[in-house]
């Protein structure tokens, strides 16, 4: 856990520099509750849109700035793409806190995807944990259907896996997050150094108000829950619009 904490500290420092230089704007940090192992305090699921390759890194840094005074055992769990992040040697420091989700959702990766969902649920059932989930099923630029098509606020239709996770995770706090930034293209280079360079592109992170997914809420179908989370994400879309720097 020591190396994870050191690695997260470096990411948090980078994000702090991006905020101080105006390349990253973060709104709604007051909506992030403090972590803790109190059994009365539910775990947290951050549901985040995925317009580029930078969110898995930026979101970890944004949340770590809030969590850094606390023990490493409360560090954030993230669900980056298995191919673009987990397989790269650089991310070896963070693998204990990464739940790598396969990009392709076909029969070939069905077992892998099912295993990822089970691990996410297992983590969320533990008190005081925080998980970042990207439920669009890939980057927005490759989404076949869009829930919002307005430039700067594009959002792909969420996959029903987020509804399944919420239904199986017990009482958890669900916090929608919208990210506004220039989207990556499907043909873009996804190498580490290219992705690192794009961290300095303008980005806005808007953290919405959380809601408790209690037994009454979880009694709905996973499709209903997914649609409700998607609606909540669309509501904060106006705040998530990014402005290109001059």
C-alpha atoms as a PDB file:
ATOM      1  CA  UNK A   1       0.000   0.000   0.000  1.00  0.00           C
ATOM      2  CA  UNK A   2       2.977   2.294   0.558  1.00  0.00           C
ATOM      3  CA  UNK A   3       3.823   2.388  -3.160  1.00  0.00           C
ATOM      4  CA  UNK A   4       0.180   3.001  -4.070  1.00  0.00           C
ATOM      5  CA  UNK A   5       0.073   5.970  -1.707  1.00  0.00           C
ATOM      6  CA  UNK A   6       3.304   7.361  -3.179  1.00  0.00           C
ATOM      7  CA  UNK A   7       1.988   6.905  -6.722  1.00  0.00           C
ATOM      8  CA  UNK A   8      -1.322   8.540  -5.893  1.00  0.00           C
ATOM      9  CA  UNK A   9       0.558  11.399  -4.241  1.00  0.00           C
ATOM     10  CA  UNK A  10       2.419  12.044  -7.515  1.00  0.00           C
ATOM     11  CA  UNK A  11      -0.841  12.019  -9.470  1.00  0.00           C
ATOM     12  CA  UNK A  12      -2.413  14.341  -6.887  1.00  0.00           C
ATOM     13  CA  UNK A  13       0.546  16.745  -7.221  1.00  0.00           C
ATOM     14  CA  UNK A  14       0.186  16.750 -11.012  1.00  0.00           C
ATOM     15  CA  UNK A  15      -3.548  17.464 -10.765  1.00  0.00           C
ATOM     16  CA  UNK A  16      -2.847  20.258  -8.273  1.00  0.00           C
ATOM     17  CA  UNK A  17      -0.440  21.838 -10.802  1.00  0.00           C
ATOM     18  CA  UNK A  18      -3.102  21.563 -13.534  1.00  0.00           C
ATOM     19  CA  UNK A  19      -5.628  23.304 -11.260  1.00  0.00           C
ATOM     20  CA  UNK A  20      -3.204  26.062 -10.290  1.00  0.00           C
ATOM     21  CA  UNK A  21      -2.308  26.726 -13.959  1.00  0.00           C
ATOM     22  CA  UNK A  22      -5.965  26.885 -14.996  1.00  0.00           C
ATOM     23  CA  UNK A  23      -5.810  23.820 -17.270  1.00  0.00           C
ATOM     24  CA  UNK A  24      -8.186  21.934 -14.978  1.00  0.00           C
ATOM     25  CA  UNK A  25     -11.287  23.319 -13.279  1.00  0.00           C
ATOM     26  CA  UNK A  26     -12.984  21.300 -10.553  1.00  0.00           C
ATOM     27  CA  UNK A  27     -16.456  22.170  -9.293  1.00  0.00           C
ATOM     28  CA  UNK A  28     -18.497  20.574  -6.530  1.00  0.00           C
ATOM     29  CA  UNK A  29     -15.673  19.238  -4.336  1.00  0.00           C
ATOM     30  CA  UNK A  30     -17.940  19.913  -1.343  1.00  0.00           C
ATOM     31  CA  UNK A  31     -20.050  16.997  -2.638  1.00  0.00           C
ATOM     32  CA  UNK A  32     -17.195  14.561  -1.905  1.00  0.00           C
ATOM     33  CA  UNK A  33     -17.657  13.067   1.573  1.00  0.00           C
ATOM     34  CA  UNK A  34     -14.636  12.151   3.652  1.00  0.00           C
ATOM     35  CA  UNK A  35     -13.731   8.440   3.753  1.00  0.00           C
ATOM     36  CA  UNK A  36     -13.934   6.248   6.801  1.00  0.00           C
ATOM     37  CA  UNK A  37     -14.363   2.675   7.987  1.00  0.00           C
ATOM     38  CA  UNK A  38     -17.404   3.496  10.101  1.00  0.00           C
ATOM     39  CA  UNK A  39     -19.991   0.833   9.239  1.00  0.00           C
ATOM     40  CA  UNK A  40     -22.653   3.512   9.270  1.00  0.00           C
ATOM     41  CA  UNK A  41     -20.860   5.339   6.458  1.00  0.00           C
ATOM     42  CA  UNK A  42     -21.661   3.827   3.037  1.00  0.00           C
ATOM     43  CA  UNK A  43     -19.089   3.260   0.340  1.00  0.00           C
ATOM     44  CA  UNK A  44     -19.089   5.648  -2.613  1.00  0.00           C
ATOM     45  CA  UNK A  45     -19.530   4.993  -6.320  1.00  0.00           C
ATOM     46  CA  UNK A  46     -18.430   7.854  -8.590  1.00  0.00           C
ATOM     47  CA  UNK A  47     -20.163   7.468 -11.977  1.00  0.00           C
ATOM     48  CA  UNK A  48     -18.096   9.369 -14.557  1.00  0.00           C
ATOM     49  CA  UNK A  49     -18.464   9.979 -18.291  1.00  0.00           C
ATOM     50  CA  UNK A  50     -15.529   9.070 -20.521  1.00  0.00           C
ATOM     51  CA  UNK A  51     -14.794  11.614 -23.305  1.00  0.00           C
ATOM     52  CA  UNK A  52     -11.034  10.971 -23.429  1.00  0.00           C
ATOM     53  CA  UNK A  53      -8.199   8.824 -22.084  1.00  0.00           C
ATOM     54  CA  UNK A  54      -7.367  11.264 -19.309  1.00  0.00           C
ATOM     55  CA  UNK A  55     -10.248  10.745 -16.884  1.00  0.00           C
ATOM     56  CA  UNK A  56      -8.918   7.614 -15.126  1.00  0.00           C
ATOM     57  CA  UNK A  57      -5.809   9.588 -14.166  1.00  0.00           C
ATOM     58  CA  UNK A  58      -7.414  12.966 -13.481  1.00  0.00           C
ATOM     59  CA  UNK A  59     -10.263  11.590 -11.345  1.00  0.00           C
ATOM     60  CA  UNK A  60      -7.841   9.664  -9.135  1.00  0.00           C
ATOM     61  CA  UNK A  61      -5.852  12.875  -8.616  1.00  0.00           C
ATOM     62  CA  UNK A  62      -8.926  15.021  -7.923  1.00  0.00           C
ATOM     63  CA  UNK A  63     -10.225  12.610  -5.274  1.00  0.00           C
ATOM     64  CA  UNK A  64      -6.794  12.038  -3.759  1.00  0.00           C
ATOM     65  CA  UNK A  65      -6.484  15.759  -3.046  1.00  0.00           C
ATOM     66  CA  UNK A  66      -9.492  15.253  -0.772  1.00  0.00           C
ATOM     67  CA  UNK A  67      -8.332  11.933   0.688  1.00  0.00           C
ATOM     68  CA  UNK A  68      -4.561  12.341   1.071  1.00  0.00           C
ATOM     69  CA  UNK A  69      -4.520  12.918   4.878  1.00  0.00           C
ATOM     70  CA  UNK A  70      -6.161   9.527   5.349  1.00  0.00           C
ATOM     71  CA  UNK A  71      -4.709   5.991   5.391  1.00  0.00           C
ATOM     72  CA  UNK A  72      -3.763   4.320   2.121  1.00  0.00           C
ATOM     73  CA  UNK A  73      -6.340   1.601   2.788  1.00  0.00           C
ATOM     74  CA  UNK A  74      -8.977   4.211   1.893  1.00  0.00           C
ATOM     75  CA  UNK A  75      -7.353   5.079  -1.427  1.00  0.00           C
ATOM     76  CA  UNK A  76      -9.583   5.264  -4.466  1.00  0.00           C
ATOM     77  CA  UNK A  77     -10.345   2.266  -6.664  1.00  0.00           C
ATOM     78  CA  UNK A  78     -10.516   2.983 -10.401  1.00  0.00           C
ATOM     79  CA  UNK A  79     -11.822   0.996 -13.387  1.00  0.00           C
ATOM     80  CA  UNK A  80      -9.598   1.974 -16.338  1.00  0.00           C
ATOM     81  CA  UNK A  81      -9.590   0.279 -19.716  1.00  0.00           C
ATOM     82  CA  UNK A  82      -7.638  -2.971 -19.550  1.00  0.00           C
ATOM     83  CA  UNK A  83      -5.695  -2.405 -22.790  1.00  0.00           C
ATOM     84  CA  UNK A  84      -4.809   1.298 -22.554  1.00  0.00           C
ATOM     85  CA  UNK A  85      -3.868   1.481 -18.867  1.00  0.00           C
ATOM     86  CA  UNK A  86      -3.597  -1.793 -17.009  1.00  0.00           C
ATOM     87  CA  UNK A  87      -1.241  -3.442 -19.500  1.00  0.00           C
ATOM     88  CA  UNK A  88       1.286  -0.565 -19.444  1.00  0.00           C
ATOM     89  CA  UNK A  89       4.289  -1.119 -17.166  1.00  0.00           C
ATOM     90  CA  UNK A  90       4.050   2.369 -15.678  1.00  0.00           C
ATOM     91  CA  UNK A  91       0.723   1.525 -14.017  1.00  0.00           C
ATOM     92  CA  UNK A  92       2.213  -1.433 -12.117  1.00  0.00           C
ATOM     93  CA  UNK A  93       2.310   0.747  -8.977  1.00  0.00           C
ATOM     94  CA  UNK A  94      -1.461   1.116  -9.032  1.00  0.00           C
ATOM     95  CA  UNK A  95      -2.649  -2.319 -10.092  1.00  0.00           C
ATOM     96  CA  UNK A  96      -3.734  -3.268  -6.591  1.00  0.00           C
ATOM     97  CA  UNK A  97      -6.259  -0.430  -6.790  1.00  0.00           C
ATOM     98  CA  UNK A  98      -7.175  -0.850 -10.473  1.00  0.00           C
ATOM     99  CA  UNK A  99     -10.047  -3.046 -11.616  1.00  0.00           C
ATOM    100  CA  UNK A 100      -9.265  -3.312 -15.346  1.00  0.00           C
ATOM    101  CA  UNK A 101     -12.383  -3.446 -17.510  1.00  0.00           C
ATOM    102  CA  UNK A 102     -12.072  -4.977 -21.019  1.00  0.00           C
ATOM    103  CA  UNK A 103     -12.814  -2.512 -23.808  1.00  0.00           C
ATOM    104  CA  UNK A 104     -14.614  -5.039 -26.012  1.00  0.00           C
ATOM    105  CA  UNK A 105     -17.955  -6.179 -24.592  1.00  0.00           C
ATOM    106  CA  UNK A 106     -18.504  -9.238 -26.830  1.00  0.00           C
ATOM    107  CA  UNK A 107     -18.655 -12.922 -25.903  1.00  0.00           C
ATOM    108  CA  UNK A 108     -14.867 -13.101 -25.927  1.00  0.00           C
ATOM    109  CA  UNK A 109     -14.602 -10.914 -22.798  1.00  0.00           C
ATOM    110  CA  UNK A 110     -17.887 -11.845 -21.155  1.00  0.00           C
ATOM    111  CA  UNK A 111     -16.217 -13.767 -18.331  1.00  0.00           C
ATOM    112  CA  UNK A 112     -13.636 -11.010 -17.754  1.00  0.00           C
ATOM    113  CA  UNK A 113     -16.353  -8.351 -17.607  1.00  0.00           C
ATOM    114  CA  UNK A 114     -18.456 -10.428 -15.214  1.00  0.00           C
ATOM    115  CA  UNK A 115     -15.422 -10.861 -12.963  1.00  0.00           C
ATOM    116  CA  UNK A 116     -14.823  -7.087 -12.971  1.00  0.00           C
ATOM    117  CA  UNK A 117     -18.418  -6.391 -11.935  1.00  0.00           C
ATOM    118  CA  UNK A 118     -18.147  -8.912  -9.102  1.00  0.00           C
ATOM    119  CA  UNK A 119     -14.945  -7.299  -7.831  1.00  0.00           C
ATOM    120  CA  UNK A 120     -16.485  -3.817  -7.948  1.00  0.00           C
ATOM    121  CA  UNK A 121     -19.486  -5.069  -5.955  1.00  0.00           C
ATOM    122  CA  UNK A 122     -17.201  -6.820  -3.440  1.00  0.00           C
ATOM    123  CA  UNK A 123     -15.214  -3.613  -2.900  1.00  0.00           C
ATOM    124  CA  UNK A 124     -18.334  -1.470  -2.492  1.00  0.00           C
ATOM    125  CA  UNK A 125     -19.731  -3.858   0.112  1.00  0.00           C
ATOM    126  CA  UNK A 126     -16.780  -3.002   2.344  1.00  0.00           C
ATOM    127  CA  UNK A 127     -17.200   0.139   4.510  1.00  0.00           C
ATOM    128  CA  UNK A 128     -15.338   3.297   3.595  1.00  0.00           C
ATOM    129  CA  UNK A 129     -14.370   2.421   0.001  1.00  0.00           C
ATOM    130  CA  UNK A 130     -14.565   4.658  -3.090  1.00  0.00           C
ATOM    131  CA  UNK A 131     -14.796   3.374  -6.672  1.00  0.00           C
ATOM    132  CA  UNK A 132     -14.627   5.344  -9.929  1.00  0.00           C
ATOM    133  CA  UNK A 133     -16.748   3.767 -12.691  1.00  0.00           C
ATOM    134  CA  UNK A 134     -16.900   4.733 -16.382  1.00  0.00           C
ATOM    135  CA  UNK A 135     -20.222   3.231 -17.562  1.00  0.00           C
ATOM    136  CA  UNK A 136     -20.381   4.484 -21.153  1.00  0.00           C
ATOM    137  CA  UNK A 137     -18.753   1.253 -22.278  1.00  0.00           C
ATOM    138  CA  UNK A 138     -15.788   3.085 -23.791  1.00  0.00           C
ATOM    139  CA  UNK A 139     -14.915   6.602 -24.800  1.00  0.00           C
ATOM    140  CA  UNK A 140     -17.716   8.927 -25.889  1.00  0.00           C
ATOM    141  CA  UNK A 141     -16.186   9.249 -29.345  1.00  0.00           C
ATOM    142  CA  UNK A 142     -16.919   5.580 -30.107  1.00  0.00           C
ATOM    143  CA  UNK A 143     -20.414   5.500 -28.554  1.00  0.00           C
ATOM    144  CA  UNK A 144     -23.019   4.169 -30.975  1.00  0.00           C
ATOM    145  CA  UNK A 145     -25.829   6.062 -29.210  1.00  0.00           C
ATOM    146  CA  UNK A 146     -25.683   9.415 -27.455  1.00  0.00           C
ATOM    147  CA  UNK A 147     -27.773  10.533 -24.486  1.00  0.00           C
ATOM    148  CA  UNK A 148     -26.641  14.120 -25.173  1.00  0.00           C
ATOM    149  CA  UNK A 149     -25.134  15.268 -28.473  1.00  0.00           C
ATOM    150  CA  UNK A 150     -24.541  18.973 -27.759  1.00  0.00           C
ATOM    151  CA  UNK A 151     -20.882  19.940 -28.339  1.00  0.00           C
ATOM    152  CA  UNK A 152     -18.934  20.139 -25.091  1.00  0.00           C
ATOM    153  CA  UNK A 153     -21.560  18.076 -23.256  1.00  0.00           C
ATOM    154  CA  UNK A 154     -21.705  14.861 -25.286  1.00  0.00           C
ATOM    155  CA  UNK A 155     -22.652  11.795 -23.296  1.00  0.00           C
ATOM    156  CA  UNK A 156     -22.960   8.225 -24.523  1.00  0.00           C
ATOM    157  CA  UNK A 157     -25.889   6.070 -23.446  1.00  0.00           C
ATOM    158  CA  UNK A 158     -24.809   4.325 -20.249  1.00  0.00           C
ATOM    159  CA  UNK A 159     -24.378   0.567 -20.187  1.00  0.00           C
ATOM    160  CA  UNK A 160     -26.701  -1.326 -17.834  1.00  0.00           C
ATOM    161  CA  UNK A 161     -23.713  -2.644 -15.876  1.00  0.00           C
ATOM    162  CA  UNK A 162     -23.862   0.445 -13.667  1.00  0.00           C
ATOM    163  CA  UNK A 163     -27.420  -0.460 -12.709  1.00  0.00           C
ATOM    164  CA  UNK A 164     -26.363  -4.033 -11.956  1.00  0.00           C
ATOM    165  CA  UNK A 165     -23.496  -2.827  -9.733  1.00  0.00           C
ATOM    166  CA  UNK A 166     -25.751  -0.483  -7.772  1.00  0.00           C
ATOM    167  CA  UNK A 167     -28.404  -3.172  -7.273  1.00  0.00           C
ATOM    168  CA  UNK A 168     -25.907  -5.684  -5.868  1.00  0.00           C
ATOM    169  CA  UNK A 169     -23.740  -3.387  -3.741  1.00  0.00           C
ATOM    170  CA  UNK A 170     -26.018  -2.732  -0.792  1.00  0.00           C
ATOM    171  CA  UNK A 171     -26.565   0.793   0.535  1.00  0.00           C
ATOM    172  CA  UNK A 172     -23.992   2.964  -1.243  1.00  0.00           C
ATOM    173  CA  UNK A 173     -23.665   6.645  -2.023  1.00  0.00           C
ATOM    174  CA  UNK A 174     -23.777   7.263  -5.778  1.00  0.00           C
ATOM    175  CA  UNK A 175     -22.186  10.492  -7.025  1.00  0.00           C
ATOM    176  CA  UNK A 176     -22.567  11.490 -10.705  1.00  0.00           C
ATOM    177  CA  UNK A 177     -19.608  13.295 -12.276  1.00  0.00           C
ATOM    178  CA  UNK A 178     -19.480  15.055 -15.643  1.00  0.00           C
ATOM    179  CA  UNK A 179     -16.236  15.806 -17.413  1.00  0.00           C
ATOM    180  CA  UNK A 180     -16.014  18.356 -20.187  1.00  0.00           C
ATOM    181  CA  UNK A 181     -12.961  18.284 -22.437  1.00  0.00           C
ATOM    182  CA  UNK A 182     -11.933  17.885 -26.089  1.00  0.00           C
ATOM    183  CA  UNK A 183     -12.690  14.288 -27.018  1.00  0.00           C
ATOM    184  CA  UNK A 184     -10.107  11.825 -28.235  1.00  0.00           C
ATOM    185  CA  UNK A 185     -10.755  10.336 -31.657  1.00  0.00           C
ATOM    186  CA  UNK A 186     -10.984   6.562 -32.254  1.00  0.00           C
ATOM    187  CA  UNK A 187      -7.846   6.726 -34.410  1.00  0.00           C
ATOM    188  CA  UNK A 188      -5.791   8.721 -31.910  1.00  0.00           C
ATOM    189  CA  UNK A 189      -2.508   7.430 -30.552  1.00  0.00           C
ATOM    190  CA  UNK A 190      -3.093   5.941 -27.097  1.00  0.00           C
ATOM    191  CA  UNK A 191       0.531   5.617 -26.043  1.00  0.00           C
ATOM    192  CA  UNK A 192       1.527   6.662 -22.520  1.00  0.00           C
ATOM    193  CA  UNK A 193       3.450   9.807 -23.498  1.00  0.00           C
ATOM    194  CA  UNK A 194       0.706  11.016 -25.840  1.00  0.00           C
ATOM    195  CA  UNK A 195      -1.888  10.571 -23.102  1.00  0.00           C
ATOM    196  CA  UNK A 196       0.390  12.307 -20.581  1.00  0.00           C
ATOM    197  CA  UNK A 197       0.834  15.290 -22.939  1.00  0.00           C
ATOM    198  CA  UNK A 198      -2.930  15.660 -23.301  1.00  0.00           C
ATOM    199  CA  UNK A 199      -3.289  16.114 -19.559  1.00  0.00           C
ATOM    200  CA  UNK A 200      -2.464  19.764 -20.232  1.00  0.00           C
ATOM    201  CA  UNK A 201      -5.489  20.187 -22.514  1.00  0.00           C
ATOM    202  CA  UNK A 202      -8.356  22.121 -20.851  1.00  0.00           C
ATOM    203  CA  UNK A 203     -10.773  20.064 -18.779  1.00  0.00           C
ATOM    204  CA  UNK A 204     -13.647  20.691 -16.386  1.00  0.00           C
ATOM    205  CA  UNK A 205     -14.682  18.209 -13.697  1.00  0.00           C
ATOM    206  CA  UNK A 206     -18.127  18.786 -12.187  1.00  0.00           C
ATOM    207  CA  UNK A 207     -19.053  16.645  -9.185  1.00  0.00           C
ATOM    208  CA  UNK A 208     -22.796  16.429  -8.656  1.00  0.00           C
ATOM    209  CA  UNK A 209     -24.794  15.802  -5.513  1.00  0.00           C
ATOM    210  CA  UNK A 210     -24.755  12.233  -4.313  1.00  0.00           C
ATOM    211  CA  UNK A 211     -27.797  10.130  -3.461  1.00  0.00           C
ATOM    212  CA  UNK A 212     -28.193   7.033  -1.315  1.00  0.00           C
ATOM    213  CA  UNK A 213     -29.062   3.887  -3.239  1.00  0.00           C
ATOM    214  CA  UNK A 214     -31.094   2.295  -0.451  1.00  0.00           C
ATOM    215  CA  UNK A 215     -33.220  -0.846  -0.591  1.00  0.00           C
ATOM    216  CA  UNK A 216     -36.200   1.026  -2.061  1.00  0.00           C
ATOM    217  CA  UNK A 217     -34.072   2.469  -4.864  1.00  0.00           C
ATOM    218  CA  UNK A 218     -32.368  -0.865  -5.561  1.00  0.00           C
ATOM    219  CA  UNK A 219     -35.741  -2.595  -5.876  1.00  0.00           C
ATOM    220  CA  UNK A 220     -36.045  -1.108  -9.370  1.00  0.00           C
ATOM    221  CA  UNK A 221     -34.672  -2.928 -12.391  1.00  0.00           C
ATOM    222  CA  UNK A 222     -31.058  -2.353 -13.434  1.00  0.00           C
ATOM    223  CA  UNK A 223     -32.262  -0.649 -16.632  1.00  0.00           C
ATOM    224  CA  UNK A 224     -34.404   1.793 -14.621  1.00  0.00           C
ATOM    225  CA  UNK A 225     -31.484   2.549 -12.296  1.00  0.00           C
ATOM    226  CA  UNK A 226     -29.137   3.061 -15.251  1.00  0.00           C
ATOM    227  CA  UNK A 227     -31.606   5.463 -16.892  1.00  0.00           C
ATOM    228  CA  UNK A 228     -31.993   7.382 -13.607  1.00  0.00           C
ATOM    229  CA  UNK A 229     -28.221   7.760 -13.178  1.00  0.00           C
ATOM    230  CA  UNK A 230     -27.951   8.882 -16.808  1.00  0.00           C
ATOM    231  CA  UNK A 231     -30.662  11.502 -16.200  1.00  0.00           C
ATOM    232  CA  UNK A 232     -28.785  12.811 -13.163  1.00  0.00           C
ATOM    233  CA  UNK A 233     -25.596  13.054 -15.222  1.00  0.00           C
ATOM    234  CA  UNK A 234     -27.387  15.000 -17.948  1.00  0.00           C
ATOM    235  CA  UNK A 235     -28.658  17.490 -15.359  1.00  0.00           C
ATOM    236  CA  UNK A 236     -25.148  18.569 -14.449  1.00  0.00           C
ATOM    237  CA  UNK A 237     -24.104  18.697 -18.110  1.00  0.00           C
ATOM    238  CA  UNK A 238     -24.602  22.463 -18.396  1.00  0.00           C
ATOM    239  CA  UNK A 239     -22.015  22.987 -15.661  1.00  0.00           C
ATOM    240  CA  UNK A 240     -19.615  20.538 -17.300  1.00  0.00           C
ATOM    241  CA  UNK A 241     -19.144  22.504 -20.520  1.00  0.00           C
ATOM    242  CA  UNK A 242     -15.469  23.258 -21.021  1.00  0.00           C
ATOM    243  CA  UNK A 243     -13.919  26.430 -22.373  1.00  0.00           C
ATOM    244  CA  UNK A 244     -10.933  26.205 -24.642  1.00  0.00           C
ATOM    245  CA  UNK A 245      -8.059  28.302 -23.402  1.00  0.00           C
ATOM    246  CA  UNK A 246      -7.105  31.272 -25.510  1.00  0.00           C
END
